[in-house]
Amino acid sequence: MIKKRNIALAILFTIITFGIYGIYWFVCLTNDSNTINPEEKTAGGGMAILFSIITAGIYLYYWAYKLGKKIKESGVLYLILYLFGFGWLVFPLAQSEINRHAHTDTE
């Protein structure tokens, strides 16, 4: 089951905790996107964090593309945002799409 999250609170918690909540949010986004589209399933949230650390952040570009592809059928926007330094926008955009899926799943 996908949990609907308040985007403003998630951003606020990420700021207040100096990014620690952002790591949790990253894991949740990854796991929720795998639930939404199991055919495009990628590494789970914990493994995605590990791959990001091992590759010094390079995995994040792949993650952003696959995340967009899983929830919006096109990951190009998320990849471009990461390439041009706006990767922080991917989280709220992805959460908005996931919330939309969570809303339709519960009806």
PDB file of N, CA and C in Angstrom:
ATOM      1  N   MET A   1       0.829  -1.175   0.000  1.00  0.00           N
ATOM      2  CA  MET A   1       0.000   0.000   0.000  1.00  0.00           C
ATOM      3  C   MET A   1       0.881   1.248   0.000  1.00  0.00           C
ATOM      4  N   ILE A   2       0.475   2.212  -0.787  1.00  0.00           N
ATOM      5  CA  ILE A   2       1.245   3.446  -0.919  1.00  0.00           C
ATOM      6  C   ILE A   2       0.674   4.500   0.023  1.00  0.00           C
ATOM      7  N   LYS A   3       1.554   5.108   0.806  1.00  0.00           N
ATOM      8  CA  LYS A   3       1.140   6.129   1.757  1.00  0.00           C
ATOM      9  C   LYS A   3       1.215   7.508   1.099  1.00  0.00           C
ATOM     10  N   LYS A   4       0.149   8.255   1.230  1.00  0.00           N
ATOM     11  CA  LYS A   4       0.115   9.616   0.720  1.00  0.00           C
ATOM     12  C   LYS A   4       0.876  10.506   1.704  1.00  0.00           C
ATOM     13  N   ARG A   5       1.827  11.307   1.194  1.00  0.00           N
ATOM     14  CA  ARG A   5       2.637  12.159   2.050  1.00  0.00           C
ATOM     15  C   ARG A   5       2.406  13.636   1.726  1.00  0.00           C
ATOM     16  N   ASN A   6       2.449  14.452   2.755  1.00  0.00           N
ATOM     17  CA  ASN A   6       2.334  15.891   2.589  1.00  0.00           C
ATOM     18  C   ASN A   6       3.686  16.428   2.113  1.00  0.00           C
ATOM     19  N   ILE A   7       3.719  17.009   0.932  1.00  0.00           N
ATOM     20  CA  ILE A   7       4.975  17.444   0.325  1.00  0.00           C
ATOM     21  C   ILE A   7       5.608  18.584   1.117  1.00  0.00           C
ATOM     22  N   ALA A   8       4.799  19.553   1.551  1.00  0.00           N
ATOM     23  CA  ALA A   8       5.332  20.690   2.301  1.00  0.00           C
ATOM     24  C   ALA A   8       5.974  20.234   3.610  1.00  0.00           C
ATOM     25  N   LEU A   9       5.318  19.312   4.309  1.00  0.00           N
ATOM     26  CA  LEU A   9       5.889  18.800   5.559  1.00  0.00           C
ATOM     27  C   LEU A   9       7.157  18.003   5.305  1.00  0.00           C
ATOM     28  N   ALA A  10       7.182  17.242   4.222  1.00  0.00           N
ATOM     29  CA  ALA A  10       8.377  16.464   3.907  1.00  0.00           C
ATOM     30  C   ALA A  10       9.568  17.385   3.636  1.00  0.00           C
ATOM     31  N   ILE A  11       9.322  18.474   2.917  1.00  0.00           N
ATOM     32  CA  ILE A  11      10.391  19.448   2.658  1.00  0.00           C
ATOM     33  C   ILE A  11      10.830  20.096   3.970  1.00  0.00           C
ATOM     34  N   LEU A  12       9.861  20.484   4.795  1.00  0.00           N
ATOM     35  CA  LEU A  12      10.171  21.109   6.081  1.00  0.00           C
ATOM     36  C   LEU A  12      10.978  20.163   6.976  1.00  0.00           C
ATOM     37  N   PHE A  13      10.555  18.905   7.068  1.00  0.00           N
ATOM     38  CA  PHE A  13      11.284  17.933   7.881  1.00  0.00           C
ATOM     39  C   PHE A  13      12.697  17.706   7.349  1.00  0.00           C
ATOM     40  N   THR A  14      12.853  17.727   6.029  1.00  0.00           N
ATOM     41  CA  THR A  14      14.182  17.558   5.434  1.00  0.00           C
ATOM     42  C   THR A  14      15.089  18.709   5.836  1.00  0.00           C
ATOM     43  N   ILE A  15      14.549  19.920   5.834  1.00  0.00           N
ATOM     44  CA  ILE A  15      15.339  21.091   6.227  1.00  0.00           C
ATOM     45  C   ILE A  15      15.670  21.055   7.720  1.00  0.00           C
ATOM     46  N   ILE A  16      14.660  20.776   8.532  1.00  0.00           N
ATOM     47  CA  ILE A  16      14.848  20.772   9.987  1.00  0.00           C
ATOM     48  C   ILE A  16      15.857  19.709  10.425  1.00  0.00           C
ATOM     49  N   THR A  17      15.837  18.545   9.770  1.00  0.00           N
ATOM     50  CA  THR A  17      16.736  17.449  10.165  1.00  0.00           C
ATOM     51  C   THR A  17      18.047  17.469   9.382  1.00  0.00           C
ATOM     52  N   PHE A  18      18.291  18.552   8.675  1.00  0.00           N
ATOM     53  CA  PHE A  18      19.522  18.698   7.895  1.00  0.00           C
ATOM     54  C   PHE A  18      19.725  17.558   6.902  1.00  0.00           C
ATOM     55  N   GLY A  19      18.643  17.128   6.274  1.00  0.00           N
ATOM     56  CA  GLY A  19      18.719  16.138   5.211  1.00  0.00           C
ATOM     57  C   GLY A  19      18.468  14.706   5.613  1.00  0.00           C
ATOM     58  N   ILE A  20      18.409  14.438   6.896  1.00  0.00           N
ATOM     59  CA  ILE A  20      18.198  13.047   7.327  1.00  0.00           C
ATOM     60  C   ILE A  20      16.826  12.545   6.884  1.00  0.00           C
ATOM     61  N   TYR A  21      15.797  13.381   7.043  1.00  0.00           N
ATOM     62  CA  TYR A  21      14.477  12.977   6.574  1.00  0.00           C
ATOM     63  C   TYR A  21      14.486  12.811   5.051  1.00  0.00           C
ATOM     64  N   GLY A  22      15.315  13.577   4.363  1.00  0.00           N
ATOM     65  CA  GLY A  22      15.435  13.456   2.910  1.00  0.00           C
ATOM     66  C   GLY A  22      15.902  12.073   2.486  1.00  0.00           C
ATOM     67  N   ILE A  23      16.771  11.476   3.284  1.00  0.00           N
ATOM     68  CA  ILE A  23      17.228  10.116   2.997  1.00  0.00           C
ATOM     69  C   ILE A  23      16.067   9.139   3.148  1.00  0.00           C
ATOM     70  N   TYR A  24      15.299   9.305   4.216  1.00  0.00           N
ATOM     71  CA  TYR A  24      14.117   8.461   4.421  1.00  0.00           C
ATOM     72  C   TYR A  24      13.122   8.656   3.283  1.00  0.00           C
ATOM     73  N   TRP A  25      12.926   9.900   2.874  1.00  0.00           N
ATOM     74  CA  TRP A  25      12.001  10.224   1.779  1.00  0.00           C
ATOM     75  C   TRP A  25      12.468   9.569   0.480  1.00  0.00           C
ATOM     76  N   PHE A  26      13.773   9.592   0.235  1.00  0.00           N
ATOM     77  CA  PHE A  26      14.365   8.942  -0.936  1.00  0.00           C
ATOM     78  C   PHE A  26      14.022   7.455  -0.957  1.00  0.00           C
ATOM     79  N   VAL A  27      14.200   6.809   0.197  1.00  0.00           N
ATOM     80  CA  VAL A  27      13.889   5.381   0.307  1.00  0.00           C
ATOM     81  C   VAL A  27      12.411   5.136   0.040  1.00  0.00           C
ATOM     82  N   CYS A  28      11.545   5.961   0.616  1.00  0.00           N
ATOM     83  CA  CYS A  28      10.097   5.806   0.422  1.00  0.00           C
ATOM     84  C   CYS A  28       9.700   6.025  -1.029  1.00  0.00           C
ATOM     85  N   LEU A  29      10.270   7.051  -1.669  1.00  0.00           N
ATOM     86  CA  LEU A  29       9.967   7.297  -3.084  1.00  0.00           C
ATOM     87  C   LEU A  29      10.357   6.100  -3.936  1.00  0.00           C
ATOM     88  N   THR A  30      11.528   5.549  -3.660  1.00  0.00           N
ATOM     89  CA  THR A  30      12.010   4.396  -4.425  1.00  0.00           C
ATOM     90  C   THR A  30      11.097   3.191  -4.232  1.00  0.00           C
ATOM     91  N   ASN A  31      10.764   2.892  -2.998  1.00  0.00           N
ATOM     92  CA  ASN A  31       9.920   1.729  -2.720  1.00  0.00           C
ATOM     93  C   ASN A  31       8.500   1.922  -3.261  1.00  0.00           C
ATOM     94  N   ASP A  32       7.945   3.130  -3.116  1.00  0.00           N
ATOM     95  CA  ASP A  32       6.600   3.392  -3.638  1.00  0.00           C
ATOM     96  C   ASP A  32       6.558   3.294  -5.154  1.00  0.00           C
ATOM     97  N   SER A  33       7.601   3.787  -5.817  1.00  0.00           N
ATOM     98  CA  SER A  33       7.623   3.707  -7.286  1.00  0.00           C
ATOM     99  C   SER A  33       7.741   2.256  -7.745  1.00  0.00           C
ATOM    100  N   ASN A  34       8.445   1.426  -6.984  1.00  0.00           N
ATOM    101  CA  ASN A  34       8.524   0.000  -7.314  1.00  0.00           C
ATOM    102  C   ASN A  34       7.170  -0.679  -7.124  1.00  0.00           C
ATOM    103  N   THR A  35       6.391  -0.202  -6.158  1.00  0.00           N
ATOM    104  CA  THR A  35       5.057  -0.744  -5.932  1.00  0.00           C
ATOM    105  C   THR A  35       4.113  -0.344  -7.058  1.00  0.00           C
ATOM    106  N   ILE A  36       4.223   0.900  -7.508  1.00  0.00           N
ATOM    107  CA  ILE A  36       3.345   1.405  -8.568  1.00  0.00           C
ATOM    108  C   ILE A  36       3.575   0.663  -9.873  1.00  0.00           C
ATOM    109  N   ASN A  37       4.838   0.453 -10.218  1.00  0.00           N
ATOM    110  CA  ASN A  37       5.163  -0.163 -11.497  1.00  0.00           C
ATOM    111  C   ASN A  37       6.149  -1.313 -11.282  1.00  0.00           C
ATOM    112  N   PRO A  38       5.651  -2.487 -10.902  1.00  0.00           N
ATOM    113  CA  PRO A  38       6.566  -3.605 -10.628  1.00  0.00           C
ATOM    114  C   PRO A  38       7.284  -4.130 -11.874  1.00  0.00           C
ATOM    115  N   GLU A  39       6.770  -3.834 -13.070  1.00  0.00           N
ATOM    116  CA  GLU A  39       7.445  -4.290 -14.286  1.00  0.00           C
ATOM    117  C   GLU A  39       8.778  -3.567 -14.477  1.00  0.00           C
ATOM    118  N   GLU A  40       8.868  -2.314 -14.021  1.00  0.00           N
ATOM    119  CA  GLU A  40      10.086  -1.511 -14.145  1.00  0.00           C
ATOM    120  C   GLU A  40      10.865  -1.495 -12.830  1.00  0.00           C
ATOM    121  N   LYS A  41      10.643  -2.486 -11.996  1.00  0.00           N
ATOM    122  CA  LYS A  41      11.224  -2.501 -10.655  1.00  0.00           C
ATOM    123  C   LYS A  41      12.743  -2.370 -10.700  1.00  0.00           C
ATOM    124  N   THR A  42      13.246  -1.495  -9.834  1.00  0.00           N
ATOM    125  CA  THR A  42      14.692  -1.308  -9.699  1.00  0.00           C
ATOM    126  C   THR A  42      15.081  -1.670  -8.273  1.00  0.00           C
ATOM    127  N   ALA A  43      16.277  -1.310  -7.895  1.00  0.00           N
ATOM    128  CA  ALA A  43      16.750  -1.598  -6.535  1.00  0.00           C
ATOM    129  C   ALA A  43      15.820  -0.966  -5.513  1.00  0.00           C
ATOM    130  N   GLY A  44      15.691  -1.611  -4.370  1.00  0.00           N
ATOM    131  CA  GLY A  44      14.885  -1.053  -3.285  1.00  0.00           C
ATOM    132  C   GLY A  44      15.538   0.202  -2.729  1.00  0.00           C
ATOM    133  N   GLY A  45      14.847   0.853  -1.828  1.00  0.00           N
ATOM    134  CA  GLY A  45      15.331   2.114  -1.290  1.00  0.00           C
ATOM    135  C   GLY A  45      16.683   2.028  -0.608  1.00  0.00           C
ATOM    136  N   GLY A  46      16.868   1.012   0.220  1.00  0.00           N
ATOM    137  CA  GLY A  46      18.142   0.848   0.919  1.00  0.00           C
ATOM    138  C   GLY A  46      19.299   0.583  -0.033  1.00  0.00           C
ATOM    139  N   MET A  47      19.059  -0.257  -1.017  1.00  0.00           N
ATOM    140  CA  MET A  47      20.105  -0.546  -2.005  1.00  0.00           C
ATOM    141  C   MET A  47      20.403   0.677  -2.858  1.00  0.00           C
ATOM    142  N   ALA A  48      19.378   1.465  -3.168  1.00  0.00           N
ATOM    143  CA  ALA A  48      19.578   2.684  -3.966  1.00  0.00           C
ATOM    144  C   ALA A  48      20.472   3.673  -3.214  1.00  0.00           C
ATOM    145  N   ILE A  49      20.268   3.779  -1.901  1.00  0.00           N
ATOM    146  CA  ILE A  49      21.140   4.635  -1.083  1.00  0.00           C
ATOM    147  C   ILE A  49      22.573   4.112  -1.130  1.00  0.00           C
ATOM    148  N   LEU A  50      22.723   2.807  -0.968  1.00  0.00           N
ATOM    149  CA  LEU A  50      24.053   2.200  -0.998  1.00  0.00           C
ATOM    150  C   LEU A  50      24.725   2.434  -2.349  1.00  0.00           C
ATOM    151  N   PHE A  51      24.005   2.224  -3.453  1.00  0.00           N
ATOM    152  CA  PHE A  51      24.573   2.445  -4.785  1.00  0.00           C
ATOM    153  C   PHE A  51      24.957   3.914  -4.982  1.00  0.00           C
ATOM    154  N   SER A  52      24.168   4.815  -4.428  1.00  0.00           N
ATOM    155  CA  SER A  52      24.481   6.241  -4.539  1.00  0.00           C
ATOM    156  C   SER A  52      25.776   6.581  -3.812  1.00  0.00           C
ATOM    157  N   ILE A  53      25.967   5.968  -2.656  1.00  0.00           N
ATOM    158  CA  ILE A  53      27.191   6.212  -1.882  1.00  0.00           C
ATOM    159  C   ILE A  53      28.398   5.603  -2.592  1.00  0.00           C
ATOM    160  N   ILE A  54      28.253   4.358  -3.051  1.00  0.00           N
ATOM    161  CA  ILE A  54      29.365   3.661  -3.710  1.00  0.00           C
ATOM    162  C   ILE A  54      29.805   4.384  -4.982  1.00  0.00           C
ATOM    163  N   THR A  55      28.849   4.916  -5.740  1.00  0.00           N
ATOM    164  CA  THR A  55      29.179   5.568  -7.015  1.00  0.00           C
ATOM    165  C   THR A  55      29.380   7.076  -6.862  1.00  0.00           C
ATOM    166  N   ALA A  56      29.458   7.562  -5.643  1.00  0.00           N
ATOM    167  CA  ALA A  56      29.655   8.995  -5.366  1.00  0.00           C
ATOM    168  C   ALA A  56      28.586   9.855  -6.033  1.00  0.00           C
ATOM    169  N   GLY A  57      27.356   9.371  -6.017  1.00  0.00           N
ATOM    170  CA  GLY A  57      26.231  10.144  -6.518  1.00  0.00           C
ATOM    171  C   GLY A  57      25.863   9.923  -7.967  1.00  0.00           C
ATOM    172  N   ILE A  58      26.678   9.207  -8.705  1.00  0.00           N
ATOM    173  CA  ILE A  58      26.385   8.983 -10.126  1.00  0.00           C
ATOM    174  C   ILE A  58      25.114   8.163 -10.295  1.00  0.00           C
ATOM    175  N   TYR A  59      24.873   7.233  -9.387  1.00  0.00           N
ATOM    176  CA  TYR A  59      23.663   6.407  -9.456  1.00  0.00           C
ATOM    177  C   TYR A  59      22.412   7.259  -9.394  1.00  0.00           C
ATOM    178  N   LEU A  60      22.463   8.434  -8.768  1.00  0.00           N
ATOM    179  CA  LEU A  60      21.286   9.296  -8.631  1.00  0.00           C
ATOM    180  C   LEU A  60      20.717   9.716  -9.985  1.00  0.00           C
ATOM    181  N   TYR A  61      21.564   9.880 -10.980  1.00  0.00           N
ATOM    182  CA  TYR A  61      21.082  10.251 -12.319  1.00  0.00           C
ATOM    183  C   TYR A  61      20.251   9.113 -12.917  1.00  0.00           C
ATOM    184  N   TYR A  62      20.762   7.902 -12.785  1.00  0.00           N
ATOM    185  CA  TYR A  62      20.016   6.729 -13.236  1.00  0.00           C
ATOM    186  C   TYR A  62      18.735   6.584 -12.440  1.00  0.00           C
ATOM    187  N   TRP A  63      18.823   6.780 -11.120  1.00  0.00           N
ATOM    188  CA  TRP A  63      17.657   6.669 -10.243  1.00  0.00           C
ATOM    189  C   TRP A  63      16.575   7.659 -10.653  1.00  0.00           C
ATOM    190  N   ALA A  64      16.975   8.896 -10.912  1.00  0.00           N
ATOM    191  CA  ALA A  64      16.001   9.929 -11.290  1.00  0.00           C
ATOM    192  C   ALA A  64      15.307   9.560 -12.594  1.00  0.00           C
ATOM    193  N   TYR A  65      16.079   9.088 -13.564  1.00  0.00           N
ATOM    194  CA  TYR A  65      15.487   8.693 -14.848  1.00  0.00           C
ATOM    195  C   TYR A  65      14.508   7.542 -14.663  1.00  0.00           C
ATOM    196  N   LYS A  66      14.927   6.501 -13.947  1.00  0.00           N
ATOM    197  CA  LYS A  66      14.062   5.336 -13.748  1.00  0.00           C
ATOM    198  C   LYS A  66      12.837   5.686 -12.905  1.00  0.00           C
ATOM    199  N   LEU A  67      12.989   6.558 -11.916  1.00  0.00           N
ATOM    200  CA  LEU A  67      11.864   6.980 -11.103  1.00  0.00           C
ATOM    201  C   LEU A  67      10.807   7.646 -11.971  1.00  0.00           C
ATOM    202  N   GLY A  68      11.238   8.564 -12.813  1.00  0.00           N
ATOM    203  CA  GLY A  68      10.299   9.230 -13.711  1.00  0.00           C
ATOM    204  C   GLY A  68       9.652   8.261 -14.675  1.00  0.00           C
ATOM    205  N   LYS A  69      10.421   7.325 -15.158  1.00  0.00           N
ATOM    206  CA  LYS A  69       9.885   6.333 -16.097  1.00  0.00           C
ATOM    207  C   LYS A  69       8.850   5.430 -15.426  1.00  0.00           C
ATOM    208  N   LYS A  70       9.084   5.117 -14.162  1.00  0.00           N
ATOM    209  CA  LYS A  70       8.159   4.233 -13.448  1.00  0.00           C
ATOM    210  C   LYS A  70       6.844   4.917 -13.110  1.00  0.00           C
ATOM    211  N   ILE A  71       6.886   6.200 -12.765  1.00  0.00           N
ATOM    212  CA  ILE A  71       5.653   6.848 -12.306  1.00  0.00           C
ATOM    213  C   ILE A  71       5.010   7.768 -13.334  1.00  0.00           C
ATOM    214  N   LYS A  72       5.763   8.201 -14.356  1.00  0.00           N
ATOM    215  CA  LYS A  72       5.198   9.124 -15.338  1.00  0.00           C
ATOM    216  C   LYS A  72       5.350   8.651 -16.772  1.00  0.00           C
ATOM    217  N   GLU A  73       5.928   7.487 -16.984  1.00  0.00           N
ATOM    218  CA  GLU A  73       6.180   6.943 -18.320  1.00  0.00           C
ATOM    219  C   GLU A  73       7.306   7.674 -19.059  1.00  0.00           C
ATOM    220  N   SER A  74       7.905   8.692 -18.448  1.00  0.00           N
ATOM    221  CA  SER A  74       9.029   9.386 -19.065  1.00  0.00           C
ATOM    222  C   SER A  74       9.934   9.923 -17.969  1.00  0.00           C
ATOM    223  N   GLY A  75      11.168   9.515 -17.966  1.00  0.00           N
ATOM    224  CA  GLY A  75      12.096   9.952 -16.939  1.00  0.00           C
ATOM    225  C   GLY A  75      13.002  11.071 -17.377  1.00  0.00           C
ATOM    226  N   VAL A  76      12.798  11.587 -18.578  1.00  0.00           N
ATOM    227  CA  VAL A  76      13.693  12.598 -19.126  1.00  0.00           C
ATOM    228  C   VAL A  76      13.667  13.879 -18.297  1.00  0.00           C
ATOM    229  N   LEU A  77      12.478  14.318 -17.864  1.00  0.00           N
ATOM    230  CA  LEU A  77      12.377  15.542 -17.070  1.00  0.00           C
ATOM    231  C   LEU A  77      13.197  15.431 -15.792  1.00  0.00           C
ATOM    232  N   TYR A  78      13.066  14.331 -15.081  1.00  0.00           N
ATOM    233  CA  TYR A  78      13.785  14.149 -13.824  1.00  0.00           C
ATOM    234  C   TYR A  78      15.297  14.090 -14.070  1.00  0.00           C
ATOM    235  N   LEU A  79      15.711  13.444 -15.142  1.00  0.00           N
ATOM    236  CA  LEU A  79      17.128  13.379 -15.479  1.00  0.00           C
ATOM    237  C   LEU A  79      17.671  14.767 -15.799  1.00  0.00           C
ATOM    238  N   ILE A  80      16.948  15.541 -16.576  1.00  0.00           N
ATOM    239  CA  ILE A  80      17.383  16.900 -16.921  1.00  0.00           C
ATOM    240  C   ILE A  80      17.481  17.770 -15.679  1.00  0.00           C
ATOM    241  N   LEU A  81      16.512  17.641 -14.773  1.00  0.00           N
ATOM    242  CA  LEU A  81      16.582  18.407 -13.532  1.00  0.00           C
ATOM    243  C   LEU A  81      17.853  18.076 -12.756  1.00  0.00           C
ATOM    244  N   TYR A  82      18.206  16.793 -12.677  1.00  0.00           N
ATOM    245  CA  TYR A  82      19.435  16.407 -11.986  1.00  0.00           C
ATOM    246  C   TYR A  82      20.668  16.925 -12.709  1.00  0.00           C
ATOM    247  N   LEU A  83      20.661  16.849 -14.030  1.00  0.00           N
ATOM    248  CA  LEU A  83      21.828  17.295 -14.799  1.00  0.00           C
ATOM    249  C   LEU A  83      22.103  18.780 -14.632  1.00  0.00           C
ATOM    250  N   PHE A  84      21.057  19.579 -14.493  1.00  0.00           N
ATOM    251  CA  PHE A  84      21.227  21.027 -14.396  1.00  0.00           C
ATOM    252  C   PHE A  84      21.189  21.548 -12.958  1.00  0.00           C
ATOM    253  N   GLY A  85      21.330  20.657 -11.979  1.00  0.00           N
ATOM    254  CA  GLY A  85      21.452  21.078 -10.602  1.00  0.00           C
ATOM    255  C   GLY A  85      20.146  21.312  -9.858  1.00  0.00           C
ATOM    256  N   PHE A  86      19.051  20.875 -10.438  1.00  0.00           N
ATOM    257  CA  PHE A  86      17.755  21.035  -9.781  1.00  0.00           C
ATOM    258  C   PHE A  86      17.206  19.691  -9.302  1.00  0.00           C
ATOM    259  N   GLY A  87      18.092  18.818  -8.880  1.00  0.00           N
ATOM    260  CA  GLY A  87      17.689  17.497  -8.423  1.00  0.00           C
ATOM    261  C   GLY A  87      16.767  17.532  -7.214  1.00  0.00           C
ATOM    262  N   TRP A  88      16.877  18.602  -6.436  1.00  0.00           N
ATOM    263  CA  TRP A  88      16.010  18.733  -5.259  1.00  0.00           C
ATOM    264  C   TRP A  88      14.547  18.858  -5.651  1.00  0.00           C
ATOM    265  N   LEU A  89      14.259  19.241  -6.887  1.00  0.00           N
ATOM    266  CA  LEU A  89      12.876  19.345  -7.359  1.00  0.00           C
ATOM    267  C   LEU A  89      12.269  17.984  -7.691  1.00  0.00           C
ATOM    268  N   VAL A  90      13.104  16.998  -7.896  1.00  0.00           N
ATOM    269  CA  VAL A  90      12.614  15.669  -8.256  1.00  0.00           C
ATOM    270  C   VAL A  90      11.761  15.081  -7.140  1.00  0.00           C
ATOM    271  N   PHE A  91      12.178  15.268  -5.900  1.00  0.00           N
ATOM    272  CA  PHE A  91      11.456  14.689  -4.773  1.00  0.00           C
ATOM    273  C   PHE A  91      10.012  15.180  -4.704  1.00  0.00           C
ATOM    274  N   PRO A  92       9.756  16.504  -4.676  1.00  0.00           N
ATOM    275  CA  PRO A  92       8.354  16.940  -4.612  1.00  0.00           C
ATOM    276  C   PRO A  92       7.549  16.580  -5.852  1.00  0.00           C
ATOM    277  N   LEU A  93       8.172  16.644  -7.030  1.00  0.00           N
ATOM    278  CA  LEU A  93       7.449  16.267  -8.251  1.00  0.00           C
ATOM    279  C   LEU A  93       7.066  14.790  -8.224  1.00  0.00           C
ATOM    280  N   ALA A  94       8.012  13.950  -7.830  1.00  0.00           N
ATOM    281  CA  ALA A  94       7.743  12.515  -7.764  1.00  0.00           C
ATOM    282  C   ALA A  94       6.701  12.218  -6.695  1.00  0.00           C
ATOM    283  N   GLN A  95       6.794  12.895  -5.548  1.00  0.00           N
ATOM    284  CA  GLN A  95       5.817  12.649  -4.487  1.00  0.00           C
ATOM    285  C   GLN A  95       4.419  13.055  -4.922  1.00  0.00           C
ATOM    286  N   SER A  96       4.330  14.117  -5.696  1.00  0.00           N
ATOM    287  CA  SER A  96       3.034  14.542  -6.217  1.00  0.00           C
ATOM    288  C   SER A  96       2.420  13.464  -7.101  1.00  0.00           C
ATOM    289  N   GLU A  97       3.228  12.875  -7.959  1.00  0.00           N
ATOM    290  CA  GLU A  97       2.743  11.786  -8.826  1.00  0.00           C
ATOM    291  C   GLU A  97       2.380  10.550  -8.005  1.00  0.00           C
ATOM    292  N   ILE A  98       3.204  10.237  -7.027  1.00  0.00           N
ATOM    293  CA  ILE A  98       2.928   9.069  -6.185  1.00  0.00           C
ATOM    294  C   ILE A  98       1.657   9.291  -5.388  1.00  0.00           C
ATOM    295  N   ASN A  99       1.453  10.501  -4.886  1.00  0.00           N
ATOM    296  CA  ASN A  99       0.212  10.811  -4.169  1.00  0.00           C
ATOM    297  C   ASN A  99      -0.996  10.633  -5.082  1.00  0.00           C
ATOM    298  N   ARG A 100      -0.847  10.996  -6.329  1.00  0.00           N
ATOM    299  CA  ARG A 100      -1.931  10.805  -7.292  1.00  0.00           C
ATOM    300  C   ARG A 100      -2.246   9.324  -7.473  1.00  0.00           C
ATOM    301  N   HIS A 101      -1.212   8.509  -7.527  1.00  0.00           N
ATOM    302  CA  HIS A 101      -1.411   7.063  -7.639  1.00  0.00           C
ATOM    303  C   HIS A 101      -2.018   6.495  -6.355  1.00  0.00           C
ATOM    304  N   ALA A 102      -1.579   7.012  -5.214  1.00  0.00           N
ATOM    305  CA  ALA A 102      -2.116   6.540  -3.934  1.00  0.00           C
ATOM    306  C   ALA A 102      -3.589   6.878  -3.826  1.00  0.00           C
ATOM    307  N   HIS A 103      -3.973   8.020  -4.334  1.00  0.00           N
ATOM    308  CA  HIS A 103      -5.376   8.438  -4.302  1.00  0.00           C
ATOM    309  C   HIS A 103      -6.232   7.533  -5.168  1.00  0.00           C
ATOM    310  N   THR A 104      -5.726   7.193  -6.354  1.00  0.00           N
ATOM    311  CA  THR A 104      -6.515   6.348  -7.247  1.00  0.00           C
ATOM    312  C   THR A 104      -6.531   4.894  -6.769  1.00  0.00           C
ATOM    313  N   ASP A 105      -5.499   4.471  -6.047  1.00  0.00           N
ATOM    314  CA  ASP A 105      -5.469   3.095  -5.539  1.00  0.00           C
ATOM    315  C   ASP A 105      -6.481   2.869  -4.431  1.00  0.00           C
ATOM    316  N   THR A 106      -6.788   3.906  -3.653  1.00  0.00           N
ATOM    317  CA  THR A 106      -7.673   3.751  -2.528  1.00  0.00           C
ATOM    318  C   THR A 106      -9.143   3.858  -2.925  1.00  0.00           C
ATOM    319  N   GLU A 107      -9.427   4.318  -4.112  1.00  0.00           N
ATOM    320  CA  GLU A 107     -10.827   4.468  -4.547  1.00  0.00           C
ATOM    321  C   GLU A 107     -11.392   3.181  -5.097  1.00  0.00           C
TER     322      GLU A 107
END
